[in-house]
PDB file of N, CA and C in Angstrom:
ATOM      1  N   UNK A   1       0.513  18.611  14.367  1.00  0.00           N
ATOM      2  CA  UNK A   1       0.033  17.855  13.409  1.00  0.00           C
ATOM      3  C   UNK A   1      -1.640  17.858  13.459  1.00  0.00           C
ATOM      4  N   UNK A   2      -2.170  17.650  14.571  1.00  0.00           N
ATOM      5  CA  UNK A   2      -3.465  17.297  14.725  1.00  0.00           C
ATOM      6  C   UNK A   2      -4.199  18.530  14.324  1.00  0.00           C
ATOM      7  N   UNK A   3      -3.659  19.753  14.667  1.00  0.00           N
ATOM      8  CA  UNK A   3      -4.411  21.225  14.326  1.00  0.00           C
ATOM      9  C   UNK A   3      -4.302  21.384  12.712  1.00  0.00           C
ATOM     10  N   UNK A   4      -3.094  21.015  11.982  1.00  0.00           N
ATOM     11  CA  UNK A   4      -3.009  20.898  10.626  1.00  0.00           C
ATOM     12  C   UNK A   4      -4.030  19.998  10.184  1.00  0.00           C
ATOM     13  N   UNK A   5      -4.355  18.881  10.373  1.00  0.00           N
ATOM     14  CA  UNK A   5      -5.314  18.054   9.933  1.00  0.00           C
ATOM     15  C   UNK A   5      -6.542  18.309  10.207  1.00  0.00           C
ATOM     16  N   UNK A   6      -6.938  18.994  11.309  1.00  0.00           N
ATOM     17  CA  UNK A   6      -8.210  19.434  11.584  1.00  0.00           C
ATOM     18  C   UNK A   6      -8.493  20.526  10.446  1.00  0.00           C
ATOM     19  N   UNK A   7      -7.457  21.725   9.953  1.00  0.00           N
ATOM     20  CA  UNK A   7      -7.398  22.495   9.013  1.00  0.00           C
ATOM     21  C   UNK A   7      -7.986  21.813   7.670  1.00  0.00           C
ATOM     22  N   UNK A   8      -7.375  20.836   7.565  1.00  0.00           N
ATOM     23  CA  UNK A   8      -7.623  20.125   6.054  1.00  0.00           C
ATOM     24  C   UNK A   8      -8.934  19.637   5.940  1.00  0.00           C
ATOM     25  N   UNK A   9      -9.373  19.115   7.327  1.00  0.00           N
ATOM     26  CA  UNK A   9     -10.909  18.522   7.535  1.00  0.00           C
ATOM     27  C   UNK A   9     -11.857  19.703   7.370  1.00  0.00           C
ATOM     28  N   UNK A  10     -11.500  20.772   7.834  1.00  0.00           N
ATOM     29  CA  UNK A  10     -12.522  21.998   7.706  1.00  0.00           C
ATOM     30  C   UNK A  10     -12.452  22.585   6.240  1.00  0.00           C
ATOM     31  N   UNK A  11     -11.115  22.754   5.721  1.00  0.00           N
ATOM     32  CA  UNK A  11     -11.400  22.911   4.099  1.00  0.00           C
ATOM     33  C   UNK A  11     -12.001  21.856   3.416  1.00  0.00           C
ATOM     34  N   UNK A  12     -11.942  20.837   3.628  1.00  0.00           N
ATOM     35  CA  UNK A  12     -12.598  19.776   3.117  1.00  0.00           C
ATOM     36  C   UNK A  12     -14.120  19.926   3.125  1.00  0.00           C
ATOM     37  N   UNK A  13     -14.508  19.940   4.372  1.00  0.00           N
ATOM     38  CA  UNK A  13     -16.052  20.163   4.858  1.00  0.00           C
ATOM     39  C   UNK A  13     -16.733  21.695   4.171  1.00  0.00           C
ATOM     40  N   UNK A  14     -15.982  22.534   4.531  1.00  0.00           N
ATOM     41  CA  UNK A  14     -16.626  24.005   4.349  1.00  0.00           C
ATOM     42  C   UNK A  14     -15.970  24.589   2.778  1.00  0.00           C
ATOM     43  N   UNK A  15     -14.905  24.172   2.348  1.00  0.00           N
ATOM     44  CA  UNK A  15     -14.418  24.694   1.090  1.00  0.00           C
ATOM     45  C   UNK A  15     -15.023  24.190  -0.288  1.00  0.00           C
ATOM     46  N   UNK A  16     -15.821  23.436   0.060  1.00  0.00           N
ATOM     47  CA  UNK A  16     -16.860  22.959  -1.374  1.00  0.00           C
ATOM     48  C   UNK A  16     -16.309  21.679  -1.830  1.00  0.00           C
ATOM     49  N   UNK A  17     -15.308  20.913  -1.281  1.00  0.00           N
ATOM     50  CA  UNK A  17     -14.810  19.676  -1.711  1.00  0.00           C
ATOM     51  C   UNK A  17     -15.900  18.519  -1.316  1.00  0.00           C
ATOM     52  N   UNK A  18     -16.404  18.840  -0.030  1.00  0.00           N
ATOM     53  CA  UNK A  18     -17.340  17.944   0.330  1.00  0.00           C
ATOM     54  C   UNK A  18     -18.529  17.746  -0.558  1.00  0.00           C
ATOM     55  N   UNK A  19     -18.970  18.927  -1.091  1.00  0.00           N
ATOM     56  CA  UNK A  19     -20.038  18.921  -2.105  1.00  0.00           C
ATOM     57  C   UNK A  19     -19.645  18.543  -3.330  1.00  0.00           C
ATOM     58  N   UNK A  20     -18.685  18.551  -3.867  1.00  0.00           N
ATOM     59  CA  UNK A  20     -18.152  17.742  -5.180  1.00  0.00           C
ATOM     60  C   UNK A  20     -18.136  16.139  -4.690  1.00  0.00           C
ATOM     61  N   UNK A  21     -17.579  15.888  -3.507  1.00  0.00           N
ATOM     62  CA  UNK A  21     -17.905  14.371  -3.530  1.00  0.00           C
ATOM     63  C   UNK A  21     -19.239  13.939  -3.224  1.00  0.00           C
ATOM     64  N   UNK A  22     -20.062  14.656  -2.418  1.00  0.00           N
ATOM     65  CA  UNK A  22     -21.448  14.451  -2.435  1.00  0.00           C
ATOM     66  C   UNK A  22     -22.015  14.014  -3.857  1.00  0.00           C
ATOM     67  N   UNK A  23     -21.852  14.961  -4.917  1.00  0.00           N
ATOM     68  CA  UNK A  23     -22.325  15.094  -6.183  1.00  0.00           C
ATOM     69  C   UNK A  23     -22.074  13.709  -6.919  1.00  0.00           C
ATOM     70  N   UNK A  24     -20.951  13.328  -6.814  1.00  0.00           N
ATOM     71  CA  UNK A  24     -20.290  12.041  -6.997  1.00  0.00           C
ATOM     72  C   UNK A  24     -20.929  10.702  -6.699  1.00  0.00           C
ATOM     73  N   UNK A  25     -21.017  10.747  -5.159  1.00  0.00           N
ATOM     74  CA  UNK A  25     -21.484   9.703  -4.610  1.00  0.00           C
ATOM     75  C   UNK A  25     -22.195  10.109  -3.218  1.00  0.00           C
ATOM     76  N   UNK A  26     -23.436  10.385  -3.269  1.00  0.00           N
ATOM     77  CA  UNK A  26     -23.974  10.889  -1.643  1.00  0.00           C
ATOM     78  C   UNK A  26     -23.584  10.112  -0.709  1.00  0.00           C
ATOM     79  N   UNK A  27     -23.084  10.762   0.480  1.00  0.00           N
ATOM     80  CA  UNK A  27     -22.710  10.132   1.706  1.00  0.00           C
ATOM     81  C   UNK A  27     -21.327   9.952   1.784  1.00  0.00           C
ATOM     82  N   UNK A  28     -20.666   9.814   0.950  1.00  0.00           N
ATOM     83  CA  UNK A  28     -19.062   9.533   0.857  1.00  0.00           C
ATOM     84  C   UNK A  28     -18.465  10.492   1.624  1.00  0.00           C
ATOM     85  N   UNK A  29     -18.964  11.719   1.390  1.00  0.00           N
ATOM     86  CA  UNK A  29     -18.288  12.818   2.077  1.00  0.00           C
ATOM     87  C   UNK A  29     -18.358  12.761   3.531  1.00  0.00           C
ATOM     88  N   UNK A  30     -19.231  12.124   4.076  1.00  0.00           N
ATOM     89  CA  UNK A  30     -19.319  11.938   5.574  1.00  0.00           C
ATOM     90  C   UNK A  30     -18.142  10.788   6.017  1.00  0.00           C
ATOM     91  N   UNK A  31     -18.146   9.874   5.028  1.00  0.00           N
ATOM     92  CA  UNK A  31     -16.889   8.863   5.437  1.00  0.00           C
ATOM     93  C   UNK A  31     -15.464   9.593   5.358  1.00  0.00           C
ATOM     94  N   UNK A  32     -15.290  10.454   4.498  1.00  0.00           N
ATOM     95  CA  UNK A  32     -14.043  11.266   4.417  1.00  0.00           C
ATOM     96  C   UNK A  32     -13.882  11.851   5.668  1.00  0.00           C
ATOM     97  N   UNK A  33     -14.850  12.941   6.138  1.00  0.00           N
ATOM     98  CA  UNK A  33     -14.569  13.479   7.367  1.00  0.00           C
ATOM     99  C   UNK A  33     -14.597  12.566   8.486  1.00  0.00           C
ATOM    100  N   UNK A  34     -15.356  11.394   8.692  1.00  0.00           N
ATOM    101  CA  UNK A  34     -14.871  10.489   9.690  1.00  0.00           C
ATOM    102  C   UNK A  34     -13.736   9.947   9.598  1.00  0.00           C
ATOM    103  N   UNK A  35     -12.969   9.539   8.466  1.00  0.00           N
ATOM    104  CA  UNK A  35     -11.707   9.240   8.590  1.00  0.00           C
ATOM    105  C   UNK A  35     -10.496  10.378   8.893  1.00  0.00           C
ATOM    106  N   UNK A  36     -11.066  11.536   8.570  1.00  0.00           N
ATOM    107  CA  UNK A  36     -10.302  12.722   8.953  1.00  0.00           C
ATOM    108  C   UNK A  36     -10.350  12.934  10.650  1.00  0.00           C
ATOM    109  N   UNK A  37     -11.423  12.667  10.877  1.00  0.00           N
ATOM    110  CA  UNK A  37     -11.740  12.830  12.490  1.00  0.00           C
ATOM    111  C   UNK A  37     -11.048  11.685  13.307  1.00  0.00           C
ATOM    112  N   UNK A  38     -11.183  10.782  12.815  1.00  0.00           N
ATOM    113  CA  UNK A  38     -10.429   9.559  13.264  1.00  0.00           C
ATOM    114  C   UNK A  38      -8.910   9.651  13.538  1.00  0.00           C
ATOM    115  N   UNK A  39      -8.388  10.289  12.247  1.00  0.00           N
ATOM    116  CA  UNK A  39      -7.086  10.446  12.430  1.00  0.00           C
ATOM    117  C   UNK A  39      -6.491  11.681  13.422  1.00  0.00           C
ATOM    118  N   UNK A  40      -7.196  12.581  13.386  1.00  0.00           N
ATOM    119  CA  UNK A  40      -7.078  13.593  14.406  1.00  0.00           C
ATOM    120  C   UNK A  40      -7.224  13.400  15.749  1.00  0.00           C
ATOM    121  N   UNK A  41      -8.121  12.255  15.898  1.00  0.00           N
ATOM    122  CA  UNK A  41      -8.083  11.682  17.323  1.00  0.00           C
ATOM    123  C   UNK A  41      -6.850  10.913  17.862  1.00  0.00           C
ATOM    124  N   UNK A  42      -6.581  10.273  16.769  1.00  0.00           N
ATOM    125  CA  UNK A  42      -5.465   9.278  16.925  1.00  0.00           C
ATOM    126  C   UNK A  42      -4.112  10.171  17.346  1.00  0.00           C
ATOM    127  N   UNK A  43      -3.923  11.125  16.564  1.00  0.00           N
ATOM    128  CA  UNK A  43      -2.834  12.086  16.706  1.00  0.00           C
ATOM    129  C   UNK A  43      -2.863  12.796  18.196  1.00  0.00           C
ATOM    130  N   UNK A  44      -3.882  13.292  18.304  1.00  0.00           N
ATOM    131  CA  UNK A  44      -4.080  13.800  19.661  1.00  0.00           C
ATOM    132  C   UNK A  44      -3.790  12.787  20.950  1.00  0.00           C
ATOM    133  N   UNK A  45      -4.099  11.505  20.561  1.00  0.00           N
ATOM    134  CA  UNK A  45      -3.679  10.463  21.779  1.00  0.00           C
ATOM    135  C   UNK A  45      -2.139  10.100  21.780  1.00  0.00           C
ATOM    136  N   UNK A  46      -1.463  10.603  20.829  1.00  0.00           N
ATOM    137  CA  UNK A  46      -0.054  10.206  20.786  1.00  0.00           C
ATOM    138  C   UNK A  46       0.819  11.474  21.479  1.00  0.00           C
ATOM    139  N   UNK A  47       1.300  11.096  22.654  1.00  0.00           N
ATOM    140  CA  UNK A  47       2.010  12.343  23.399  1.00  0.00           C
ATOM    141  C   UNK A  47       3.484  12.334  23.371  1.00  0.00           C
ATOM    142  N   UNK A  48       3.983  11.843  22.231  1.00  0.00           N
ATOM    143  CA  UNK A  48       5.330  11.708  21.963  1.00  0.00           C
ATOM    144  C   UNK A  48       5.915  12.191  20.758  1.00  0.00           C
ATOM    145  N   UNK A  49       7.151  12.556  20.432  1.00  0.00           N
ATOM    146  CA  UNK A  49       7.389  12.838  19.100  1.00  0.00           C
ATOM    147  C   UNK A  49       7.165  11.650  18.240  1.00  0.00           C
ATOM    148  N   UNK A  50       6.921  11.658  16.922  1.00  0.00           N
ATOM    149  CA  UNK A  50       6.530  10.665  15.961  1.00  0.00           C
ATOM    150  C   UNK A  50       7.941   9.745  15.968  1.00  0.00           C
ATOM    151  N   UNK A  51       9.083  10.077  15.933  1.00  0.00           N
ATOM    152  CA  UNK A  51      10.182   9.317  16.082  1.00  0.00           C
ATOM    153  C   UNK A  51      10.180   8.327  17.281  1.00  0.00           C
ATOM    154  N   UNK A  52       9.650   9.041  18.228  1.00  0.00           N
ATOM    155  CA  UNK A  52       9.552   7.976  19.566  1.00  0.00           C
ATOM    156  C   UNK A  52       8.593   7.076  19.500  1.00  0.00           C
ATOM    157  N   UNK A  53       7.504   7.756  19.045  1.00  0.00           N
ATOM    158  CA  UNK A  53       6.271   6.778  18.715  1.00  0.00           C
ATOM    159  C   UNK A  53       6.417   5.700  17.960  1.00  0.00           C
ATOM    160  N   UNK A  54       7.321   5.666  17.097  1.00  0.00           N
ATOM    161  CA  UNK A  54       7.530   4.498  16.110  1.00  0.00           C
ATOM    162  C   UNK A  54       8.175   3.369  16.634  1.00  0.00           C
ATOM    163  N   UNK A  55       9.174   3.647  17.727  1.00  0.00           N
ATOM    164  CA  UNK A  55       9.764   2.870  18.618  1.00  0.00           C
ATOM    165  C   UNK A  55       9.042   2.127  19.714  1.00  0.00           C
ATOM    166  N   UNK A  56       7.814   2.743  19.942  1.00  0.00           N
ATOM    167  CA  UNK A  56       7.227   2.280  20.966  1.00  0.00           C
ATOM    168  C   UNK A  56       5.656   1.223  20.314  1.00  0.00           C
ATOM    169  N   UNK A  57       5.915  -0.061  20.723  1.00  0.00           N
ATOM    170  CA  UNK A  57       4.746  -1.049  19.972  1.00  0.00           C
ATOM    171  C   UNK A  57       3.462  -0.491  20.124  1.00  0.00           C
ATOM    172  N   UNK A  58       2.970  -0.176  21.093  1.00  0.00           N
ATOM    173  CA  UNK A  58       1.582   0.399  21.516  1.00  0.00           C
ATOM    174  C   UNK A  58       1.381   1.616  20.646  1.00  0.00           C
ATOM    175  N   UNK A  59       2.201   2.660  20.600  1.00  0.00           N
ATOM    176  CA  UNK A  59       1.936   3.780  19.853  1.00  0.00           C
ATOM    177  C   UNK A  59       2.039   3.522  18.073  1.00  0.00           C
ATOM    178  N   UNK A  60       3.147   2.553  17.967  1.00  0.00           N
ATOM    179  CA  UNK A  60       3.076   1.933  16.435  1.00  0.00           C
ATOM    180  C   UNK A  60       1.732   1.684  16.202  1.00  0.00           C
ATOM    181  N   UNK A  61       1.024   0.935  16.767  1.00  0.00           N
ATOM    182  CA  UNK A  61      -0.406   0.336  16.421  1.00  0.00           C
ATOM    183  C   UNK A  61      -1.255   1.864  16.112  1.00  0.00           C
ATOM    184  N   UNK A  62      -1.029   2.752  16.903  1.00  0.00           N
ATOM    185  CA  UNK A  62      -1.929   3.888  16.560  1.00  0.00           C
ATOM    186  C   UNK A  62      -1.466   4.530  15.392  1.00  0.00           C
ATOM    187  N   UNK A  63      -0.264   4.688  15.223  1.00  0.00           N
ATOM    188  CA  UNK A  63       0.541   5.173  13.726  1.00  0.00           C
ATOM    189  C   UNK A  63      -0.066   4.320  12.872  1.00  0.00           C
ATOM    190  N   UNK A  64      -0.214   3.252  12.502  1.00  0.00           N
ATOM    191  CA  UNK A  64      -0.991   2.488  11.500  1.00  0.00           C
ATOM    192  C   UNK A  64      -2.417   2.868  11.446  1.00  0.00           C
ATOM    193  N   UNK A  65      -3.128   2.647  12.453  1.00  0.00           N
ATOM    194  CA  UNK A  65      -4.470   3.345  12.196  1.00  0.00           C
ATOM    195  C   UNK A  65      -4.451   4.752  11.783  1.00  0.00           C
ATOM    196  N   UNK A  66      -3.570   5.492  12.036  1.00  0.00           N
ATOM    197  CA  UNK A  66      -3.492   6.971  11.434  1.00  0.00           C
ATOM    198  C   UNK A  66      -3.092   6.767  10.143  1.00  0.00           C
ATOM    199  N   UNK A  67      -2.306   5.860   9.619  1.00  0.00           N
ATOM    200  CA  UNK A  67      -2.086   5.544   8.256  1.00  0.00           C
ATOM    201  C   UNK A  67      -3.033   5.201   7.389  1.00  0.00           C
ATOM    202  N   UNK A  68      -3.750   4.517   8.007  1.00  0.00           N
ATOM    203  CA  UNK A  68      -5.352   3.819   7.506  1.00  0.00           C
ATOM    204  C   UNK A  68      -5.978   4.688   7.149  1.00  0.00           C
ATOM    205  N   UNK A  69      -6.343   5.521   8.050  1.00  0.00           N
ATOM    206  CA  UNK A  69      -7.347   6.787   8.166  1.00  0.00           C
ATOM    207  C   UNK A  69      -7.306   7.662   7.091  1.00  0.00           C
ATOM    208  N   UNK A  70      -5.946   8.174   6.995  1.00  0.00           N
ATOM    209  CA  UNK A  70      -5.453   9.175   6.016  1.00  0.00           C
ATOM    210  C   UNK A  70      -5.543   8.611   4.611  1.00  0.00           C
ATOM    211  N   UNK A  71      -5.086   7.326   4.408  1.00  0.00           N
ATOM    212  CA  UNK A  71      -5.059   6.802   3.208  1.00  0.00           C
ATOM    213  C   UNK A  71      -6.355   6.794   2.660  1.00  0.00           C
ATOM    214  N   UNK A  72      -7.484   6.191   3.437  1.00  0.00           N
ATOM    215  CA  UNK A  72      -8.704   5.990   2.965  1.00  0.00           C
ATOM    216  C   UNK A  72      -9.333   7.459   2.680  1.00  0.00           C
ATOM    217  N   UNK A  73      -9.079   8.495   3.576  1.00  0.00           N
ATOM    218  CA  UNK A  73      -9.543   9.799   3.268  1.00  0.00           C
ATOM    219  C   UNK A  73      -9.113  10.385   1.842  1.00  0.00           C
ATOM    220  N   UNK A  74      -7.857  10.223   1.830  1.00  0.00           N
ATOM    221  CA  UNK A  74      -7.085  10.796   0.527  1.00  0.00           C
ATOM    222  C   UNK A  74      -7.481  10.274  -0.567  1.00  0.00           C
ATOM    223  N   UNK A  75      -7.711   8.940  -0.556  1.00  0.00           N
ATOM    224  CA  UNK A  75      -7.937   7.968  -1.715  1.00  0.00           C
ATOM    225  C   UNK A  75      -9.355   8.510  -2.080  1.00  0.00           C
ATOM    226  N   UNK A  76     -10.079   8.189  -1.451  1.00  0.00           N
ATOM    227  CA  UNK A  76     -11.431   8.473  -1.603  1.00  0.00           C
ATOM    228  C   UNK A  76     -12.069   9.939  -1.917  1.00  0.00           C
ATOM    229  N   UNK A  77     -11.445  10.832  -1.301  1.00  0.00           N
ATOM    230  CA  UNK A  77     -11.654  12.321  -1.535  1.00  0.00           C
ATOM    231  C   UNK A  77     -10.925  12.489  -3.053  1.00  0.00           C
ATOM    232  N   UNK A  78      -9.719  12.050  -3.139  1.00  0.00           N
ATOM    233  CA  UNK A  78      -8.889  12.606  -4.237  1.00  0.00           C
ATOM    234  C   UNK A  78      -9.531  12.161  -5.584  1.00  0.00           C
ATOM    235  N   UNK A  79      -9.907  10.581  -5.762  1.00  0.00           N
ATOM    236  CA  UNK A  79     -10.614  10.094  -6.774  1.00  0.00           C
ATOM    237  C   UNK A  79     -11.797  10.995  -7.285  1.00  0.00           C
ATOM    238  N   UNK A  80     -12.734  11.103  -6.037  1.00  0.00           N
ATOM    239  CA  UNK A  80     -13.958  11.863  -6.604  1.00  0.00           C
ATOM    240  C   UNK A  80     -14.025  13.600  -6.814  1.00  0.00           C
ATOM    241  N   UNK A  81     -13.034  13.888  -6.109  1.00  0.00           N
ATOM    242  CA  UNK A  81     -12.862  15.476  -6.629  1.00  0.00           C
ATOM    243  C   UNK A  81     -12.258  15.467  -7.912  1.00  0.00           C
ATOM    244  N   UNK A  82     -11.137  14.852  -8.295  1.00  0.00           N
ATOM    245  CA  UNK A  82     -10.881  14.883  -9.820  1.00  0.00           C
ATOM    246  C   UNK A  82     -11.901  14.320 -10.597  1.00  0.00           C
ATOM    247  N   UNK A  83     -12.624  13.396 -10.471  1.00  0.00           N
ATOM    248  CA  UNK A  83     -13.644  12.861 -11.238  1.00  0.00           C
ATOM    249  C   UNK A  83     -14.681  14.067 -11.526  1.00  0.00           C
ATOM    250  N   UNK A  84     -14.933  14.616 -10.324  1.00  0.00           N
ATOM    251  CA  UNK A  84     -16.050  15.829 -10.388  1.00  0.00           C
ATOM    252  C   UNK A  84     -15.643  16.770 -11.001  1.00  0.00           C
ATOM    253  N   UNK A  85     -14.196  17.006 -11.276  1.00  0.00           N
ATOM    254  CA  UNK A  85     -13.594  18.279 -11.824  1.00  0.00           C
ATOM    255  C   UNK A  85     -13.460  17.744 -13.258  1.00  0.00           C
ATOM    256  N   UNK A  86     -13.346  16.672 -13.809  1.00  0.00           N
ATOM    257  CA  UNK A  86     -13.447  16.004 -14.984  1.00  0.00           C
ATOM    258  C   UNK A  86     -11.861  15.618 -15.216  1.00  0.00           C
ATOM    259  N   UNK A  87     -10.995  15.658 -14.366  1.00  0.00           N
ATOM    260  CA  UNK A  87      -9.910  15.342 -14.543  1.00  0.00           C
ATOM    261  C   UNK A  87      -9.562  13.659 -14.365  1.00  0.00           C
ATOM    262  N   UNK A  88      -8.780  13.148 -15.288  1.00  0.00           N
ATOM    263  CA  UNK A  88      -8.192  11.935 -15.211  1.00  0.00           C
ATOM    264  C   UNK A  88      -6.564  11.760 -15.003  1.00  0.00           C
ATOM    265  N   UNK A  89      -6.300  10.969 -14.318  1.00  0.00           N
ATOM    266  CA  UNK A  89      -4.684  10.923 -14.286  1.00  0.00           C
ATOM    267  C   UNK A  89      -4.260   9.345 -14.588  1.00  0.00           C
ATOM    268  N   UNK A  90      -3.086   9.327 -15.261  1.00  0.00           N
ATOM    269  CA  UNK A  90      -2.794   8.119 -15.711  1.00  0.00           C
ATOM    270  C   UNK A  90      -1.792   8.270 -16.953  1.00  0.00           C
ATOM    271  N   UNK A  91      -1.420   7.127 -17.500  1.00  0.00           N
ATOM    272  CA  UNK A  91      -0.653   7.019 -18.669  1.00  0.00           C
ATOM    273  C   UNK A  91      -1.328   7.112 -19.941  1.00  0.00           C
ATOM    274  N   UNK A  92      -0.876   8.115 -20.760  1.00  0.00           N
ATOM    275  CA  UNK A  92      -1.480   8.257 -22.161  1.00  0.00           C
ATOM    276  C   UNK A  92      -0.543   8.134 -23.148  1.00  0.00           C
ATOM    277  N   UNK A  93      -0.885   6.637 -23.672  1.00  0.00           N
ATOM    278  CA  UNK A  93       0.052   6.201 -24.646  1.00  0.00           C
ATOM    279  C   UNK A  93      -0.165   7.066 -26.114  1.00  0.00           C
ATOM    280  N   UNK A  94      -0.899   8.013 -26.121  1.00  0.00           N
ATOM    281  CA  UNK A  94      -0.981   8.812 -27.267  1.00  0.00           C
ATOM    282  C   UNK A  94      -0.151  10.104 -27.386  1.00  0.00           C
ATOM    283  N   UNK A  95       0.504  10.372 -26.057  1.00  0.00           N
ATOM    284  CA  UNK A  95       1.194  11.624 -26.022  1.00  0.00           C
ATOM    285  C   UNK A  95       2.433  11.626 -26.699  1.00  0.00           C
ATOM    286  N   UNK A  96       3.093  10.766 -27.004  1.00  0.00           N
ATOM    287  CA  UNK A  96       4.381  10.563 -27.576  1.00  0.00           C
ATOM    288  C   UNK A  96       5.653  10.088 -26.850  1.00  0.00           C
ATOM    289  N   UNK A  97       5.280  10.021 -25.488  1.00  0.00           N
ATOM    290  CA  UNK A  97       6.383   9.601 -24.565  1.00  0.00           C
ATOM    291  C   UNK A  97       6.762   8.207 -24.633  1.00  0.00           C
TER     292      UNK A  97
END
């Protein structure tokens, strides 16, 4: 999982997404990379299968930190990338649904 997340971080940082976020709000791209790095660090510190980790009180706290880091990175990057691409998501009362 940590390796997969490192790939996501590299794609964000080197695949042009960080530049889009930077254009929307300079410096925020660093925050996204920080959150992803933190999540990778947390994952590398969990030496048990996730199913076992959720039953361990100490590791459950690490999983909560992981959840928070991933949610922050996802929300921030997703919002800014979609805005930079001119995309808006949401309900459209005019589409006939």
